[in-house]
Each structure stands twice: as C-alpha cells, then as structure tokens.
C-alpha atoms as a PDB file:
ATOM      1  CA  UNK A   1     130.242  72.838  36.892  1.00  0.00           C
ATOM      2  CA  UNK A   2     131.804  69.402  36.548  1.00  0.00           C
ATOM      3  CA  UNK A   3     129.719  68.836  33.422  1.00  0.00           C
ATOM      4  CA  UNK A   4     131.363  71.788  31.680  1.00  0.00           C
ATOM      5  CA  UNK A   5     134.922  70.705  32.507  1.00  0.00           C
ATOM      6  CA  UNK A   6     134.864  67.926  29.939  1.00  0.00           C
ATOM      7  CA  UNK A   7     133.466  69.958  27.045  1.00  0.00           C
ATOM      8  CA  UNK A   8     135.557  70.312  23.924  1.00  0.00           C
ATOM      9  CA  UNK A   9     135.757  74.058  23.341  1.00  0.00           C
ATOM     10  CA  UNK A  10     137.696  73.745  20.075  1.00  0.00           C
ATOM     11  CA  UNK A  11     134.745  72.423  18.089  1.00  0.00           C
ATOM     12  CA  UNK A  12     132.070  74.887  16.996  1.00  0.00           C
ATOM     13  CA  UNK A  13     128.841  74.613  18.954  1.00  0.00           C
ATOM     14  CA  UNK A  14     125.511  73.941  17.330  1.00  0.00           C
ATOM     15  CA  UNK A  15     122.477  75.925  18.501  1.00  0.00           C
ATOM     16  CA  UNK A  16     121.172  72.887  20.374  1.00  0.00           C
ATOM     17  CA  UNK A  17     124.474  72.436  22.212  1.00  0.00           C
ATOM     18  CA  UNK A  18     124.455  76.124  23.164  1.00  0.00           C
ATOM     19  CA  UNK A  19     120.922  75.808  24.505  1.00  0.00           C
ATOM     20  CA  UNK A  20     121.867  72.731  26.518  1.00  0.00           C
ATOM     21  CA  UNK A  21     124.921  74.519  27.904  1.00  0.00           C
ATOM     22  CA  UNK A  22     122.879  77.570  28.945  1.00  0.00           C
ATOM     23  CA  UNK A  23     120.306  75.359  30.654  1.00  0.00           C
ATOM     24  CA  UNK A  24     123.017  73.429  32.542  1.00  0.00           C
ATOM     25  CA  UNK A  25     124.589  76.666  33.739  1.00  0.00           C
ATOM     26  CA  UNK A  26     121.204  78.097  34.685  1.00  0.00           C
ATOM     27  CA  UNK A  27     120.420  75.068  36.860  1.00  0.00           C
ATOM     28  CA  UNK A  28     123.590  75.715  38.842  1.00  0.00           C
ATOM     29  CA  UNK A  29     123.005  79.453  39.394  1.00  0.00           C
ATOM     30  CA  UNK A  30     119.228  79.367  39.821  1.00  0.00           C
ATOM     31  CA  UNK A  31     119.420  79.510  43.665  1.00  0.00           C
ATOM     32  CA  UNK A  32     121.629  82.603  43.462  1.00  0.00           C
ATOM     33  CA  UNK A  33     119.261  84.325  41.033  1.00  0.00           C
ATOM     34  CA  UNK A  34     116.305  83.463  43.253  1.00  0.00           C
ATOM     35  CA  UNK A  35     118.098  84.979  46.243  1.00  0.00           C
ATOM     36  CA  UNK A  36     118.937  88.141  44.287  1.00  0.00           C
ATOM     37  CA  UNK A  37     115.323  88.472  43.189  1.00  0.00           C
ATOM     38  CA  UNK A  38     114.194  88.482  46.820  1.00  0.00           C
ATOM     39  CA  UNK A  39     116.782  90.825  48.366  1.00  0.00           C
ATOM     40  CA  UNK A  40     115.099  93.992  49.638  1.00  0.00           C
ATOM     41  CA  UNK A  41     118.342  96.000  49.394  1.00  0.00           C
ATOM     42  CA  UNK A  42     118.251  95.879  45.582  1.00  0.00           C
ATOM     43  CA  UNK A  43     116.125  98.434  43.754  1.00  0.00           C
ATOM     44  CA  UNK A  44     112.689  97.098  42.859  1.00  0.00           C
ATOM     45  CA  UNK A  45     113.350  97.457  39.121  1.00  0.00           C
ATOM     46  CA  UNK A  46     116.439  95.224  39.423  1.00  0.00           C
ATOM     47  CA  UNK A  47     114.552  92.633  41.448  1.00  0.00           C
ATOM     48  CA  UNK A  48     111.767  92.633  38.881  1.00  0.00           C
ATOM     49  CA  UNK A  49     114.291  92.194  36.075  1.00  0.00           C
ATOM     50  CA  UNK A  50     115.949  89.257  37.832  1.00  0.00           C
ATOM     51  CA  UNK A  51     112.557  87.641  38.460  1.00  0.00           C
ATOM     52  CA  UNK A  52     111.500  88.071  34.825  1.00  0.00           C
ATOM     53  CA  UNK A  53     114.837  86.648  33.689  1.00  0.00           C
ATOM     54  CA  UNK A  54     114.464  83.584  35.928  1.00  0.00           C
ATOM     55  CA  UNK A  55     110.877  83.073  34.757  1.00  0.00           C
ATOM     56  CA  UNK A  56     112.004  83.201  31.134  1.00  0.00           C
ATOM     57  CA  UNK A  57     114.775  80.674  31.768  1.00  0.00           C
ATOM     58  CA  UNK A  58     112.379  78.441  33.724  1.00  0.00           C
ATOM     59  CA  UNK A  59     110.030  78.454  30.722  1.00  0.00           C
ATOM     60  CA  UNK A  60     112.942  77.612  28.446  1.00  0.00           C
ATOM     61  CA  UNK A  61     113.996  74.849  30.815  1.00  0.00           C
ATOM     62  CA  UNK A  62     110.479  73.404  30.703  1.00  0.00           C
ATOM     63  CA  UNK A  63     110.433  73.179  26.893  1.00  0.00           C
ATOM     64  CA  UNK A  64     114.172  72.557  26.453  1.00  0.00           C
ATOM     65  CA  UNK A  65     113.998  68.760  26.013  1.00  0.00           C
ATOM     66  CA  UNK A  66     111.306  69.027  23.336  1.00  0.00           C
ATOM     67  CA  UNK A  67     113.348  71.630  21.449  1.00  0.00           C
ATOM     68  CA  UNK A  68     116.523  69.560  21.523  1.00  0.00           C
ATOM     69  CA  UNK A  69     114.748  66.313  20.582  1.00  0.00           C
ATOM     70  CA  UNK A  70     112.913  67.820  17.620  1.00  0.00           C
ATOM     71  CA  UNK A  71     115.796  69.785  16.155  1.00  0.00           C
ATOM     72  CA  UNK A  72     117.492  68.264  13.121  1.00  0.00           C
ATOM     73  CA  UNK A  73     120.207  70.337  11.494  1.00  0.00           C
ATOM     74  CA  UNK A  74     119.703  70.796   7.786  1.00  0.00           C
ATOM     75  CA  UNK A  75     116.180  69.403   7.767  1.00  0.00           C
ATOM     76  CA  UNK A  76     113.843  71.127   5.351  1.00  0.00           C
ATOM     77  CA  UNK A  77     110.665  72.552   6.743  1.00  0.00           C
END
C-alpha cells in the first residue's frame, strides 16, 4: 500500500498504468483472496468464483511485464 501513497491521482492514467496499479493491488490482497477461496463456510459457487478470479489475475500477473514493455501509445499496428 505504500507504493500507492505516492501516486499522483490528478493526472489521467494510461491503460498501462492502470494495469500496473491493479497488479500491485492484487499482490497485496492475494493472500486474502486465497483464504476466501478455501473457506468452507462460503457457498461453493462463491468459492469457485473467487478461485477463477484469482486464477485470471495470476495469468495477468504472469504476462503483465510483457504487456507493459511492448505497449507504445499511439503506435500504428
């Protein structure tokens, strides 16, 4: 959370900055999401949804650096 304290919220965010911000926040709450996905008191559909969500964010985290390094704003395809 210390990383987000020094962000300038007045400037508009680019898509890459938003992705980086989501991945930073996900790293900090991943243990909580993992715990929620394993709690037997939650309905099985909720646990499955949390597990699918964490798997999707893990996949995004795995390819995140390649997305941010290859993205150039305004570059023609």
